[in-house]
Amino acid sequence: ASLAQGQVANSGFQVEATPAAPSVAIDSMALGLDVHGVSATLTNGDIVTSNGQSIERRAAATGETIEVYHTYQDPVFPSLIAIEPDEQFFVVGDSSNGEILRIELGDASVELLTQIDFNFDGSFGPDGSLWITAAPTGFHNGTDVLRYEFNSGTLVTAIHVPGPSGPLCLDSLGNLFLGVIDPMFIQGTDRVRVFLAEQLLNATGPLEESQGLLLSTGWSNVADLAYDSVLQKLYLIENEFFGSPEIYAVAPTKSFSKVIVAGGAGTYLGNLELHLGSGPAQFRAYQPAAGGALTFNESNYPERIQTRRVVTPKRPLASMQAPPLGQDGIARFQVQGAYPDGALVLFYGFSQNLAAQESALFFSGLPPMFWALPLHAKVLFLPFPVNSSGEMVFEFYDPGHLQGALAFQAVIGDGFLNFLGTTTAVEY
């Protein structure tokens, strides 16, 4: 039932377990509830986490506990966790007592920031403001989106929508994306709306749902959101009650949205975070892994374990097979991990001109193309078909003197040859 390592729906990505996982047994509470962990990631890769019993910092490399900030007297159900943009402190909420704690990363001090009954999700805006979704007057009275004012210590109700509390996130401009949950939990009726930063700034009272722009429809139990401000793309976790959880790249409707990760039955996904890379690579299918990562927590209730996982782009790999050195025979160029049933364009050049470090080439409307061959490399027939497993093989005759002289690299595309990226370069 658990999400298996490497099991992803989109062939351009890969998923693995991370050592800095909460990786804790899901403990039963006296009230019959299950405690699951929430976590957020610091820029150095360490995570801060709460499993409802303690709040800790764990090392990125090993997952070992570095510091225990707080221990709860009685177990609670952790709801939200968010790190302040300058990483001076972070906040942790629970929906058992409604407490939202502020934990300083410097001196590890802990204080009660505010009290919000049934708080659900929280995120910092680019200006350092804290936004929280909650049902402070009960589950049947709709959801408030609250802004915490650090200067005055007051809460301002910025948005009110019907239904149980849903997730939120903000982009680099301060636009707020909100998952709106259907009050009757009717399948396919959840939606995502965006409230513009200017609206939020100039509003004289709580905004209604209709005042937000309708971004996407057709969802069931929207659980978490994360936004890529570079590609202007929203990612969403859907935990269907009678299906398997999935992570999507959001389109105007669920039916047009692409699945990035497919979870297993009996699991619950949460704590979705997007971490962009520092170089030219982007978080998109078939890019180098340095393009960024999505992290999330997987709670496996049948096995009673929670694991933190990371999703990174998976670039197609090129390899060569050659006859014995100095002998003639059939040589083979092979690609694995390309777009299934797609196509590729194969280039070759002299290996002496192969760059030690790839360059990122940019063309309008295309993802970055990482290239190691000389720009005057020759095209070797086109296009080559890719099979349903994402593999392609090209064989050629070597009269015995080509080894060490040539290098190969390919541009990959889908079935319509919309270019998606490049393979690694390989020397023959």
Protein backbone atom coordinates (compact mmCIF):
# COMPACT_ATOMS: atom_id res chain seq x y z
CA ALA A 1 0.00 0.00 0.00
CA SER A 2 2.93 2.33 0.56
CA LEU A 3 4.30 4.60 -2.13
CA ALA A 4 7.24 2.63 -3.43
CA GLN A 5 10.56 4.36 -3.97
CA GLY A 6 10.71 5.37 -7.62
CA GLN A 7 6.98 4.98 -8.21
CA VAL A 8 5.86 8.08 -10.07
CA ALA A 9 3.20 8.67 -12.65
CA ASN A 10 5.17 11.15 -14.73
CA SER A 11 8.22 9.57 -16.38
CA GLY A 12 10.12 12.87 -16.27
CA PHE A 13 10.42 12.80 -12.46
CA GLN A 14 11.75 10.47 -9.77
CA VAL A 15 10.82 10.10 -6.10
CA GLU A 16 12.93 8.91 -3.20
CA ALA A 17 12.78 8.79 0.58
CA THR A 18 14.88 11.40 2.36
CA PRO A 19 17.00 10.77 5.45
CA ALA A 20 15.60 13.88 7.15
CA ALA A 21 12.18 12.29 7.35
CA PRO A 22 9.96 12.43 10.39
CA SER A 23 10.10 8.61 9.94
CA VAL A 24 8.14 8.04 13.11
CA ALA A 25 5.54 5.50 14.02
CA ILE A 26 2.03 6.94 13.87
CA ASP A 27 1.00 6.82 17.52
CA SER A 28 -2.56 6.30 18.67
CA MET A 29 -3.98 8.93 20.98
CA ALA A 30 -6.40 8.30 23.79
CA LEU A 31 -9.13 9.99 21.74
CA GLY A 32 -8.68 7.48 18.94
CA LEU A 33 -6.97 9.95 16.61
CA ASP A 34 -3.77 9.26 14.70
CA VAL A 35 -0.82 11.58 15.17
CA HIS A 36 0.98 12.45 11.97
CA GLY A 37 3.99 14.70 11.48
CA VAL A 38 4.23 18.10 9.84
CA SER A 39 7.53 19.50 8.60
CA ALA A 40 9.13 22.44 6.81
CA THR A 41 12.55 22.76 5.22
CA LEU A 42 15.31 25.26 5.96
CA THR A 43 17.58 26.51 3.19
CA ASN A 44 20.45 24.30 4.39
CA GLY A 45 18.23 21.22 4.00
CA ASP A 46 17.53 20.64 7.70
CA ILE A 47 13.87 20.25 8.59
CA VAL A 48 11.83 21.45 11.52
CA THR A 49 9.07 19.06 12.41
CA SER A 50 6.30 18.28 14.87
CA ASN A 51 4.85 14.83 15.36
CA GLY A 52 2.31 16.00 17.92
CA GLN A 53 4.53 14.99 20.82
CA SER A 54 7.59 17.16 20.28
CA ILE A 55 8.91 19.90 17.99
CA GLU A 56 12.39 19.16 16.65
CA ARG A 57 15.07 20.09 14.16
CA ARG A 58 16.56 17.25 12.14
CA ALA A 59 19.72 17.07 10.06
CA ALA A 60 19.37 16.99 6.29
CA ALA A 61 22.11 14.41 5.78
CA THR A 62 21.13 11.85 8.41
CA GLY A 63 17.66 12.67 9.72
CA GLU A 64 19.07 12.68 13.26
CA THR A 65 17.57 15.04 15.81
CA ILE A 66 19.72 18.15 16.27
CA GLU A 67 17.54 19.91 18.79
CA VAL A 68 14.27 19.38 20.63
CA TYR A 69 12.54 22.74 20.94
CA HIS A 70 9.35 21.73 22.74
CA THR A 71 7.68 18.68 24.24
CA TYR A 72 3.90 18.62 24.59
CA GLN A 73 2.46 17.58 27.94
CA ASP A 74 -0.26 15.65 26.13
CA PRO A 75 -0.20 14.54 22.47
CA VAL A 76 -1.81 16.95 20.01
CA PHE A 77 -2.80 16.80 16.36
CA PRO A 78 -0.26 18.99 14.50
CA SER A 79 -1.85 21.13 11.83
CA LEU A 80 0.48 23.74 10.37
CA ILE A 81 4.16 24.57 10.26
CA ALA A 82 5.80 27.48 8.43
CA ILE A 83 9.23 29.11 8.42
CA GLU A 84 9.59 32.90 8.43
CA PRO A 85 11.26 34.04 5.13
CA ASP A 86 14.46 35.29 6.83
CA GLU A 87 14.62 32.05 8.87
CA GLN A 88 14.71 33.85 12.20
CA PHE A 89 11.85 31.73 13.56
CA PHE A 90 9.11 29.31 12.59
CA VAL A 91 5.57 28.67 13.76
CA VAL A 92 3.79 25.42 14.61
CA GLY A 93 0.06 25.00 15.10
CA ASP A 94 -2.12 22.23 16.45
CA SER A 95 -5.84 21.71 16.04
CA SER A 96 -6.27 19.97 19.39
CA ASN A 97 -5.73 23.04 21.57
CA GLY A 98 -5.67 25.69 18.85
CA GLU A 99 -2.25 26.91 19.90
CA ILE A 100 0.19 28.45 17.44
CA LEU A 101 3.71 28.51 18.86
CA ARG A 102 6.62 30.70 17.76
CA ILE A 103 10.03 29.01 17.94
CA GLU A 104 13.20 31.07 17.53
CA LEU A 105 15.85 29.32 15.46
CA GLY A 106 18.59 31.32 17.16
CA ASP A 107 18.10 30.79 20.89
CA ALA A 108 15.48 28.00 20.59
CA SER A 109 13.01 29.92 22.75
CA VAL A 110 9.33 29.02 22.47
CA GLU A 111 6.35 31.29 23.07
CA LEU A 112 2.62 31.18 22.43
CA LEU A 113 2.04 33.41 19.41
CA THR A 114 -1.74 33.23 19.24
CA GLN A 115 -4.71 30.93 19.75
CA ILE A 116 -6.92 29.94 16.81
CA ASP A 117 -9.38 27.09 17.20
CA PHE A 118 -9.30 24.47 14.44
CA ASN A 119 -6.36 26.04 12.61
CA PHE A 120 -5.48 24.04 9.52
CA ASP A 121 -2.75 25.52 7.32
CA GLY A 122 -0.36 28.45 7.39
CA SER A 123 2.13 30.20 5.15
CA PHE A 124 4.29 33.31 5.23
CA GLY A 125 3.94 35.94 2.54
CA PRO A 126 6.96 37.55 0.86
CA ASP A 127 6.66 40.54 3.23
CA GLY A 128 6.85 38.29 6.31
CA SER A 129 3.11 38.33 7.05
CA LEU A 130 1.60 35.10 8.37
CA TRP A 131 -1.57 33.73 6.75
CA ILE A 132 -3.64 30.98 8.36
CA THR A 133 -6.74 29.01 7.37
CA ALA A 134 -9.01 27.99 10.22
CA ALA A 135 -12.59 27.36 11.30
CA PRO A 136 -12.49 29.37 14.53
CA THR A 137 -16.27 29.27 15.07
CA GLY A 138 -16.71 25.58 14.21
CA PHE A 139 -16.63 23.27 11.23
CA HIS A 140 -20.10 24.22 9.96
CA ASN A 141 -19.53 27.97 9.75
CA GLY A 142 -17.10 28.07 6.86
CA THR A 143 -13.41 28.89 6.74
CA ASP A 144 -11.57 32.09 7.60
CA VAL A 145 -8.26 33.11 6.09
CA LEU A 146 -6.58 35.11 8.83
CA ARG A 147 -3.57 37.42 8.67
CA TYR A 148 -1.51 37.70 11.83
CA GLU A 149 -0.16 41.21 12.46
CA PHE A 150 3.23 40.84 14.16
CA ASN A 151 3.45 44.52 15.05
CA SER A 152 0.21 44.54 17.02
CA GLY A 153 -0.27 40.84 17.77
CA THR A 154 -3.78 40.94 16.28
CA LEU A 155 -5.58 38.72 13.80
CA VAL A 156 -7.37 40.17 10.78
CA THR A 157 -9.96 38.12 8.88
CA ALA A 158 -9.01 38.66 5.25
CA ILE A 159 -11.21 36.07 3.48
CA HIS A 160 -14.24 33.97 4.39
CA VAL A 161 -15.32 31.02 2.24
CA PRO A 162 -17.84 28.19 2.79
CA GLY A 163 -16.81 24.70 3.75
CA PRO A 164 -14.11 23.12 5.91
CA SER A 165 -10.64 24.62 6.05
CA GLY A 166 -8.44 24.09 3.02
CA PRO A 167 -4.78 24.74 2.20
CA LEU A 168 -3.20 27.99 1.09
CA CYS A 169 0.08 29.27 -0.30
CA LEU A 170 1.41 32.59 -1.56
CA ASP A 171 3.60 33.50 -4.50
CA SER A 172 6.52 35.94 -4.54
CA LEU A 173 4.16 38.85 -5.27
CA GLY A 174 1.85 38.13 -2.34
CA ASN A 175 -1.01 36.63 -4.36
CA LEU A 176 -2.81 34.03 -2.24
CA PHE A 177 -3.90 30.64 -3.59
CA LEU A 178 -6.66 28.92 -1.62
CA GLY A 179 -8.12 25.44 -1.81
CA VAL A 180 -11.89 25.69 -1.22
CA ILE A 181 -13.45 22.48 0.12
CA ASP A 182 -17.07 21.61 -0.62
CA PRO A 183 -19.19 21.74 2.59
CA MET A 184 -20.80 18.37 1.76
CA PHE A 185 -17.55 16.75 0.56
CA ILE A 186 -19.12 16.02 -2.82
CA GLN A 187 -16.56 14.43 -5.14
CA GLY A 188 -15.24 16.74 -7.83
CA THR A 189 -16.57 20.00 -6.39
CA ASP A 190 -13.47 21.37 -4.63
CA ARG A 191 -11.75 24.25 -6.38
CA VAL A 192 -8.77 26.55 -6.20
CA ARG A 193 -9.10 30.33 -6.16
CA VAL A 194 -6.48 33.06 -6.17
CA PHE A 195 -6.87 36.35 -4.33
CA LEU A 196 -4.59 39.05 -5.71
CA ALA A 197 -2.18 40.89 -3.45
CA GLU A 198 -3.79 44.21 -4.37
CA GLN A 199 -7.22 42.92 -3.33
CA LEU A 200 -5.88 41.74 0.02
CA LEU A 201 -4.08 45.02 0.62
CA ASN A 202 -7.03 47.28 -0.20
CA ALA A 203 -9.92 45.23 1.23
CA THR A 204 -11.96 46.97 3.91
CA GLY A 205 -13.46 43.71 5.20
CA PRO A 206 -13.32 39.97 4.59
CA LEU A 207 -13.35 39.04 0.89
CA GLU A 208 -15.92 36.48 -0.25
CA GLU A 209 -15.12 33.43 -2.35
CA SER A 210 -16.65 34.97 -5.47
CA GLN A 211 -14.12 37.81 -5.28
CA GLY A 212 -11.26 35.40 -5.87
CA LEU A 213 -10.31 34.35 -9.40
CA LEU A 214 -11.35 30.77 -10.16
CA LEU A 215 -8.11 29.01 -11.06
CA SER A 216 -9.04 25.32 -11.21
CA THR A 217 -12.06 23.04 -10.65
CA GLY A 218 -13.03 19.38 -10.38
CA TRP A 219 -11.06 18.39 -7.28
CA SER A 220 -11.85 16.16 -4.30
CA ASN A 221 -10.33 16.92 -0.88
CA VAL A 222 -7.58 19.37 -1.82
CA ALA A 223 -4.98 18.87 0.92
CA ASP A 224 -1.98 21.08 0.15
CA LEU A 225 -0.60 23.62 -2.33
CA ALA A 226 2.84 24.83 -3.44
CA TYR A 227 3.67 27.46 -6.05
CA ASP A 228 6.57 27.84 -8.49
CA SER A 229 7.01 31.59 -8.97
CA VAL A 230 9.58 31.04 -11.75
CA LEU A 231 7.37 28.98 -14.05
CA GLN A 232 4.15 30.35 -12.50
CA LYS A 233 2.89 26.85 -11.87
CA LEU A 234 0.80 25.58 -8.97
CA TYR A 235 1.18 22.09 -7.47
CA LEU A 236 -1.60 20.40 -5.52
CA ILE A 237 -2.07 17.34 -3.33
CA GLU A 238 -5.43 15.60 -3.61
CA ASN A 239 -6.27 13.01 -0.95
CA GLU A 240 -9.44 11.41 -2.25
CA PHE A 241 -11.49 9.64 0.41
CA PHE A 242 -12.12 6.60 -1.76
CA GLY A 243 -9.07 6.65 -3.98
CA SER A 244 -5.31 7.01 -3.96
CA PRO A 245 -3.62 10.34 -3.20
CA GLU A 246 -1.86 12.15 -6.02
CA ILE A 247 0.26 15.26 -6.62
CA TYR A 248 -0.66 17.33 -9.67
CA ALA A 249 0.66 20.22 -11.73
CA VAL A 250 -2.54 22.26 -11.79
CA ALA A 251 -4.42 23.16 -14.97
CA PRO A 252 -7.84 24.89 -15.23
CA THR A 253 -9.55 21.55 -14.51
CA LYS A 254 -8.41 18.35 -12.79
CA SER A 255 -8.92 16.38 -16.00
CA PHE A 256 -6.28 18.49 -17.77
CA SER A 257 -3.86 18.53 -14.82
CA LYS A 258 -0.77 16.32 -14.99
CA VAL A 259 -0.06 13.77 -12.28
CA ILE A 260 3.45 14.13 -10.88
CA VAL A 261 3.27 11.47 -8.14
CA ALA A 262 0.72 8.70 -7.61
CA GLY A 263 0.45 7.49 -4.02
CA GLY A 264 -0.71 4.16 -2.70
CA ALA A 265 -4.02 3.11 -1.17
CA GLY A 266 -4.23 3.78 2.54
CA THR A 267 -1.76 6.66 2.43
CA TYR A 268 -2.16 10.38 3.03
CA LEU A 269 0.15 12.99 1.50
CA GLY A 270 0.86 16.40 2.99
CA ASN A 271 3.39 19.16 3.72
CA LEU A 272 4.06 19.90 0.06
CA GLU A 273 7.06 22.19 -0.46
CA LEU A 274 8.79 23.39 -3.62
CA HIS A 275 12.53 24.08 -3.45
CA LEU A 276 13.91 25.77 -6.55
CA GLY A 277 17.47 25.20 -7.70
CA SER A 278 20.03 27.98 -7.81
CA GLY A 279 21.18 27.40 -11.40
CA PRO A 280 19.49 27.68 -14.81
CA ALA A 281 17.75 24.29 -14.59
CA GLN A 282 14.04 24.39 -13.86
CA PHE A 283 11.69 22.15 -11.91
CA ARG A 284 10.09 20.42 -14.85
CA ALA A 285 10.15 16.97 -16.39
CA TYR A 286 13.37 15.74 -18.02
CA GLN A 287 15.49 18.58 -16.64
CA PRO A 288 18.63 17.96 -14.55
CA ALA A 289 17.88 17.12 -10.93
CA ALA A 290 19.45 20.44 -9.91
CA GLY A 291 16.32 22.17 -11.24
CA GLY A 292 14.64 21.83 -7.87
CA ALA A 293 12.59 19.45 -5.76
CA LEU A 294 9.14 18.89 -4.35
CA THR A 295 9.11 17.41 -0.87
CA PHE A 296 6.12 15.90 0.90
CA ASN A 297 5.24 13.63 3.80
CA GLU A 298 3.56 10.28 3.23
CA SER A 299 1.53 8.89 6.14
CA ASN A 300 0.98 5.17 5.68
CA TYR A 301 -1.82 4.22 8.02
CA PRO A 302 -1.92 0.44 7.32
CA GLU A 303 1.80 0.20 8.13
CA ARG A 304 1.62 2.99 10.74
CA ILE A 305 4.68 4.88 9.51
CA GLN A 306 5.33 8.30 8.05
CA THR A 307 8.08 9.03 5.55
CA ARG A 308 9.31 12.22 3.97
CA ARG A 309 9.93 12.00 0.23
CA VAL A 310 11.52 14.17 -2.41
CA VAL A 311 10.60 14.49 -6.09
CA THR A 312 13.23 15.71 -8.55
CA PRO A 313 13.37 15.96 -12.35
CA LYS A 314 14.76 12.86 -14.03
CA ARG A 315 16.95 13.60 -17.02
CA PRO A 316 17.27 10.98 -19.79
CA LEU A 317 20.58 9.13 -19.70
CA ALA A 318 22.66 8.31 -22.78
CA SER A 319 25.17 5.46 -22.91
CA MET A 320 27.43 3.75 -25.45
CA GLN A 321 28.49 0.20 -26.15
CA ALA A 322 31.49 -0.40 -28.36
CA PRO A 323 33.32 -3.38 -29.90
CA PRO A 324 36.79 -4.19 -28.52
CA LEU A 325 39.19 -1.29 -28.97
CA GLY A 326 40.79 -1.32 -32.42
CA GLN A 327 38.39 -3.91 -33.82
CA ASP A 328 35.51 -3.35 -36.17
CA GLY A 329 31.96 -4.15 -35.15
CA ILE A 330 28.57 -2.78 -34.20
CA ALA A 331 28.45 0.17 -31.82
CA ARG A 332 25.30 1.07 -29.92
CA PHE A 333 24.02 4.44 -28.69
CA GLN A 334 21.21 4.01 -26.15
CA VAL A 335 18.89 6.41 -24.30
CA GLN A 336 16.85 5.54 -21.20
CA GLY A 337 14.23 7.70 -19.50
CA ALA A 338 13.03 9.68 -22.51
CA TYR A 339 9.37 10.58 -23.16
CA PRO A 340 7.46 7.29 -23.72
CA ASP A 341 6.40 6.90 -27.36
CA GLY A 342 8.10 10.19 -28.09
CA ALA A 343 10.98 11.01 -30.40
CA LEU A 344 14.48 12.40 -30.28
CA VAL A 345 16.93 14.15 -32.54
CA LEU A 346 20.46 12.73 -32.37
CA PHE A 347 23.57 14.89 -32.77
CA TYR A 348 27.25 13.97 -32.94
CA GLY A 349 30.53 15.82 -32.95
CA PHE A 350 34.22 15.28 -32.31
CA SER A 351 34.94 14.24 -28.75
CA GLN A 352 37.87 16.66 -28.54
CA ASN A 353 35.32 19.47 -28.75
CA LEU A 354 33.10 18.06 -25.97
CA ALA A 355 32.70 20.67 -23.23
CA ALA A 356 33.79 19.70 -19.74
CA GLN A 357 30.76 21.56 -18.38
CA GLU A 358 27.43 21.88 -20.15
CA SER A 359 25.94 25.21 -21.17
CA ALA A 360 22.27 26.07 -20.79
CA LEU A 361 20.78 27.21 -24.10
CA PHE A 362 17.56 29.21 -24.05
CA PHE A 363 15.01 29.32 -26.86
CA SER A 364 11.65 31.06 -26.72
CA GLY A 365 8.88 28.80 -25.42
CA LEU A 366 11.22 25.91 -24.58
CA PRO A 367 12.77 24.66 -21.35
CA PRO A 368 16.52 25.20 -20.91
CA MET A 369 18.54 22.92 -23.19
CA PHE A 370 21.73 21.68 -21.51
CA TRP A 371 24.35 21.07 -24.14
CA ALA A 372 27.93 19.73 -24.15
CA LEU A 373 28.51 19.16 -27.87
CA PRO A 374 29.88 21.98 -30.01
CA LEU A 375 27.14 24.19 -31.44
CA HIS A 376 28.14 23.09 -34.95
CA ALA A 377 27.45 19.42 -34.10
CA LYS A 378 25.90 17.44 -36.93
CA VAL A 379 22.41 15.96 -36.96
CA LEU A 380 22.40 12.20 -37.47
CA PHE A 381 19.10 11.50 -39.22
CA LEU A 382 15.85 12.62 -37.58
CA PRO A 383 13.75 11.92 -35.72
CA PHE A 384 14.36 8.63 -33.94
CA PRO A 385 11.30 7.00 -32.32
CA VAL A 386 11.28 6.25 -28.59
CA ASN A 387 9.47 3.13 -27.37
CA SER A 388 6.76 2.95 -24.70
CA SER A 389 9.40 2.39 -22.00
CA GLY A 390 11.20 5.62 -22.86
CA GLU A 391 14.11 3.83 -24.53
CA MET A 392 15.80 4.36 -27.89
CA VAL A 393 18.67 2.44 -29.49
CA PHE A 394 20.76 3.47 -32.50
CA GLU A 395 23.35 1.06 -33.91
CA PHE A 396 26.11 1.89 -36.38
CA TYR A 397 29.15 0.20 -37.85
CA ASP A 398 32.57 1.11 -36.48
CA PRO A 399 35.39 0.10 -38.86
CA GLY A 400 37.70 0.06 -35.83
CA HIS A 401 39.03 3.59 -35.55
CA LEU A 402 36.08 5.68 -34.26
CA GLN A 403 36.48 5.10 -30.53
CA GLY A 404 37.75 8.19 -28.79
CA ALA A 405 36.88 10.36 -31.78
CA LEU A 406 33.12 10.94 -31.46
CA ALA A 407 30.61 12.15 -28.89
CA PHE A 408 26.80 11.97 -28.99
CA GLN A 409 23.87 13.82 -27.43
CA ALA A 410 20.16 14.00 -28.21
CA VAL A 411 17.29 16.47 -27.91
CA ILE A 412 14.15 14.70 -26.68
CA GLY A 413 10.53 15.46 -27.49
CA ASP A 414 7.05 14.08 -27.13
CA GLY A 415 5.13 12.30 -29.87
CA PHE A 416 4.60 15.62 -31.65
CA LEU A 417 8.29 16.51 -31.25
CA ASN A 418 7.61 19.31 -28.82
CA PHE A 419 11.09 19.61 -27.36
CA LEU A 420 11.34 18.83 -23.63
CA GLY A 421 15.07 18.77 -22.90
CA THR A 422 18.27 16.91 -23.70
CA THR A 423 19.97 13.69 -22.78
CA THR A 424 23.32 13.58 -21.10
CA ALA A 425 26.26 13.69 -23.51
CA VAL A 426 28.33 10.55 -23.98
CA GLU A 427 31.75 10.00 -25.52
CA TYR A 428 32.29 7.00 -27.76
